[in-house]
Amino acid sequence: MSQVAAAPSLPVLVLKETGERFFFQSSARESGGRFRFRWHLARGKVGPPAHRHLHETEHFQVHAGHLQVFMNGTCHDLHPGDALTVPAGTPHFFGHPGDEEAVVDVTLGASAMEDLLVPMAVAYPETQGPPLSALPRLMVHLARGIETGASVPVSPIGRSLITLLGAFFRLLGARPLPTATQWWQLRP
C-alpha cells in the first residue's frame, strides 16, 4: 500500500509567549497589495505590546471572541461581525477580556508586515514557535522590522532594546531571516 504525501500548506506562525497564532492567507505581492491572515489570540493573552506600522493601514474583522483595540486614547470593543481600521503610523495595542479565543481576520495594506511575520513561520515551523536558540537571528530580524517601519514598538525602551540587541547579534554574525518568496503558492 502506498502512502499519500500530505499536501503542502500555507505557513503558520505560533508565538506561544504572546498567545498568538497567525494563519497566513494571501500575500501583498499577489492580491492587489493586501497581506491577509487569520489571527488567533488565546484566552487571557493580549498579543504584542503597543506598536505602530509606519507605512501600512491595518484592518481587523472579528469572527469569534472579544477583542479590544486601544488607539488614540479610546478602547474599541470588537465582537463577532465588528470591524476596525487602524491608520498607518497610529500606535495601538490590544486587550482580550473574553472567555474564549479571539479569531480575527487582519488585512495590511502592503508587504512590510508580511516580510516580518512570514519568514518566522517558514524558518520555525514548530507548533510551539521559535526555539530559544533562534534568539540572535530573531533579534536581528525584529530590528530590521523596526528599521523598515513594519512594526515599531511605541516604548522607547522596547524599541532601543530590540535595536541594540539586533546590532549586537549582527556584529556576532547573525543575519535577519530571508524574505519568504512565493509562500502563497503552497496552497493545497
Protein backbone atom coordinates (compact mmCIF):
# COMPACT_ATOMS: atom_id res chain seq x y z
CA MET A 1 0.00 0.00 0.00
CA SER A 2 1.46 3.39 -0.95
CA GLN A 3 1.28 6.41 1.29
CA VAL A 4 -0.03 9.70 0.02
CA ALA A 5 2.14 12.68 0.88
CA ALA A 6 0.40 15.50 2.69
CA ALA A 7 -0.40 18.49 0.54
CA PRO A 8 1.76 21.50 1.30
CA SER A 9 0.01 24.14 3.33
CA LEU A 10 0.43 27.83 3.94
CA PRO A 11 2.84 28.80 6.73
CA VAL A 12 1.54 29.23 10.28
CA LEU A 13 3.36 31.28 12.89
CA VAL A 14 2.95 30.33 16.56
CA LEU A 15 4.09 32.75 19.27
CA LYS A 16 3.48 30.83 22.47
CA GLU A 17 4.54 33.60 24.85
CA THR A 18 2.02 36.11 23.50
CA GLY A 19 -0.68 33.50 22.83
CA GLU A 20 -0.81 34.28 19.11
CA ARG A 21 -1.21 32.10 16.03
CA PHE A 22 -1.09 33.56 12.54
CA PHE A 23 -2.66 31.61 9.67
CA PHE A 24 -1.39 33.34 6.54
CA GLN A 25 -3.90 33.60 3.69
CA SER A 26 -2.62 35.90 0.93
CA SER A 27 0.42 37.93 0.01
CA ALA A 28 0.50 41.63 -0.77
CA ARG A 29 2.56 40.59 -3.79
CA GLU A 30 -0.29 38.57 -5.30
CA SER A 31 -3.51 40.09 -4.00
CA GLY A 32 -3.59 43.72 -5.02
CA GLY A 33 -1.18 44.93 -2.36
CA ARG A 34 -3.05 43.37 0.58
CA PHE A 35 -1.44 40.97 3.07
CA ARG A 36 -4.10 38.87 4.82
CA PHE A 37 -4.02 36.46 7.71
CA ARG A 38 -6.34 34.99 10.33
CA TRP A 39 -5.09 35.88 13.81
CA HIS A 40 -5.95 33.71 16.80
CA LEU A 41 -5.39 35.20 20.24
CA ALA A 42 -5.62 32.78 23.16
CA ARG A 43 -7.90 33.41 26.11
CA GLY A 44 -6.19 35.57 28.72
CA LYS A 45 -3.46 36.81 26.34
CA VAL A 46 -3.16 40.32 24.88
CA GLY A 47 -0.80 39.91 21.94
CA PRO A 48 2.04 42.31 21.19
CA PRO A 49 2.79 45.44 23.23
CA ALA A 50 1.85 48.88 21.90
CA HIS A 51 3.25 49.32 18.39
CA ARG A 52 2.65 51.05 15.08
CA HIS A 53 3.04 50.20 11.42
CA LEU A 54 4.61 53.27 9.82
CA HIS A 55 3.55 52.62 6.23
CA GLU A 56 0.60 50.20 6.47
CA THR A 57 -3.05 50.57 7.34
CA GLU A 58 -4.30 47.60 9.38
CA HIS A 59 -7.90 46.37 9.24
CA PHE A 60 -9.46 43.98 11.78
CA GLN A 61 -12.64 41.92 11.25
CA VAL A 62 -13.64 39.86 14.30
CA HIS A 63 -15.02 36.36 13.68
CA ALA A 64 -15.12 34.95 17.20
CA GLY A 65 -14.41 36.10 20.72
CA HIS A 66 -13.98 39.60 22.06
CA LEU A 67 -11.08 41.88 21.15
CA GLN A 68 -10.26 45.32 22.43
CA VAL A 69 -8.16 47.63 20.28
CA PHE A 70 -6.72 50.66 22.10
CA MET A 71 -5.98 53.55 19.76
CA ASN A 72 -5.81 57.34 20.22
CA GLY A 73 -6.85 57.07 23.87
CA THR A 74 -10.00 55.09 23.03
CA CYS A 75 -10.85 51.46 23.68
CA HIS A 76 -12.70 49.93 20.75
CA ASP A 77 -14.64 46.84 21.88
CA LEU A 78 -14.98 44.45 18.99
CA HIS A 79 -17.25 41.41 18.86
CA PRO A 80 -18.08 38.96 16.04
CA GLY A 81 -19.04 40.93 12.94
CA ASP A 82 -17.32 44.15 14.11
CA ALA A 83 -14.51 45.75 12.13
CA LEU A 84 -11.95 48.48 12.77
CA THR A 85 -9.23 50.11 10.68
CA VAL A 86 -6.04 51.45 12.26
CA PRO A 87 -4.44 54.13 10.05
CA ALA A 88 -0.74 53.84 9.18
CA GLY A 89 1.51 55.26 11.88
CA THR A 90 -1.14 55.04 14.63
CA PRO A 91 0.02 53.48 17.93
CA HIS A 92 -2.24 50.64 19.04
CA PHE A 93 -2.37 47.65 21.37
CA PHE A 94 -4.88 45.00 22.36
CA GLY A 95 -6.92 43.66 25.22
CA HIS A 96 -8.72 40.34 25.36
CA PRO A 97 -11.31 40.27 28.14
CA GLY A 98 -13.28 37.34 26.71
CA ASP A 99 -13.54 33.77 27.94
CA GLU A 100 -12.82 32.30 24.51
CA GLU A 101 -10.12 32.59 21.88
CA ALA A 102 -10.41 35.69 19.69
CA VAL A 103 -10.35 34.95 15.94
CA VAL A 104 -9.74 37.97 13.74
CA ASP A 105 -9.16 38.46 10.02
CA VAL A 106 -6.38 41.01 9.57
CA THR A 107 -5.53 42.87 6.37
CA LEU A 108 -2.50 45.12 5.96
CA GLY A 109 -2.06 47.46 3.02
CA ALA A 110 1.45 46.50 1.90
CA SER A 111 4.15 43.85 2.38
CA ALA A 112 6.20 45.19 5.31
CA MET A 113 4.47 43.08 7.99
CA GLU A 114 4.41 40.14 5.60
CA ASP A 115 8.20 40.38 5.33
CA LEU A 116 8.42 40.45 9.12
CA LEU A 117 6.00 37.63 10.04
CA VAL A 118 6.05 35.05 7.24
CA PRO A 119 9.83 34.40 7.33
CA MET A 120 9.50 33.49 11.02
CA ALA A 121 6.80 30.93 10.18
CA VAL A 122 8.86 29.46 7.34
CA ALA A 123 12.08 29.30 9.38
CA TYR A 124 10.49 27.97 12.60
CA PRO A 125 7.53 25.79 11.66
CA GLU A 126 7.31 24.09 15.04
CA THR A 127 3.92 24.28 16.68
CA GLN A 128 5.42 25.96 19.73
CA GLY A 129 7.15 28.78 17.86
CA PRO A 130 10.82 29.70 17.51
CA PRO A 131 13.27 27.94 19.86
CA LEU A 132 15.40 29.92 22.31
CA SER A 133 18.45 29.18 20.16
CA ALA A 134 16.87 31.36 17.45
CA LEU A 135 17.05 34.48 19.64
CA PRO A 136 20.09 36.11 17.97
CA ARG A 137 18.65 35.78 14.48
CA LEU A 138 15.18 36.85 15.63
CA MET A 139 16.56 39.98 17.30
CA VAL A 140 18.33 40.94 14.07
CA HIS A 141 15.13 40.21 12.13
CA LEU A 142 12.95 42.25 14.53
CA ALA A 143 15.46 45.13 14.41
CA ARG A 144 15.11 45.10 10.63
CA GLY A 145 11.33 45.28 11.13
CA ILE A 146 11.82 48.46 13.14
CA GLU A 147 14.17 49.92 10.51
CA THR A 148 11.65 49.29 7.73
CA GLY A 149 8.71 50.57 9.79
CA ALA A 150 6.92 47.20 9.64
CA SER A 151 6.29 47.10 13.39
CA VAL A 152 7.76 49.75 15.67
CA PRO A 153 7.32 49.44 19.45
CA VAL A 154 5.85 52.59 20.97
CA SER A 155 8.00 52.20 24.09
CA PRO A 156 11.40 53.87 23.61
CA ILE A 157 12.88 51.24 25.93
CA GLY A 158 11.45 48.33 23.93
CA ARG A 159 12.47 49.91 20.62
CA SER A 160 16.01 50.63 21.89
CA LEU A 161 16.40 47.17 23.40
CA ILE A 162 15.46 45.38 20.17
CA THR A 163 17.60 47.72 18.08
CA LEU A 164 20.65 47.33 20.35
CA LEU A 165 20.32 43.56 20.66
CA GLY A 166 19.88 43.33 16.89
CA ALA A 167 23.04 45.38 16.32
CA PHE A 168 24.96 43.29 18.90
CA PHE A 169 23.96 39.97 17.36
CA ARG A 170 24.65 41.30 13.87
CA LEU A 171 28.21 42.10 15.00
CA LEU A 172 28.47 38.47 16.12
CA GLY A 173 27.44 37.32 12.64
CA ALA A 174 23.67 36.83 12.95
CA ARG A 175 21.62 37.85 9.91
CA PRO A 176 17.92 38.57 9.52
CA LEU A 177 15.69 35.89 8.13
CA PRO A 178 15.40 35.89 4.34
CA THR A 179 12.22 37.15 2.73
CA ALA A 180 9.82 34.28 2.13
CA THR A 181 9.14 34.45 -1.58
CA GLN A 182 6.12 32.88 -3.22
CA TRP A 183 4.95 31.28 0.03
CA TRP A 184 1.35 31.78 -1.11
CA GLN A 185 1.88 29.13 -3.80
CA LEU A 186 1.85 26.44 -1.11
CA ARG A 187 -1.96 26.41 -1.07
CA PRO A 188 -3.31 22.84 -1.05
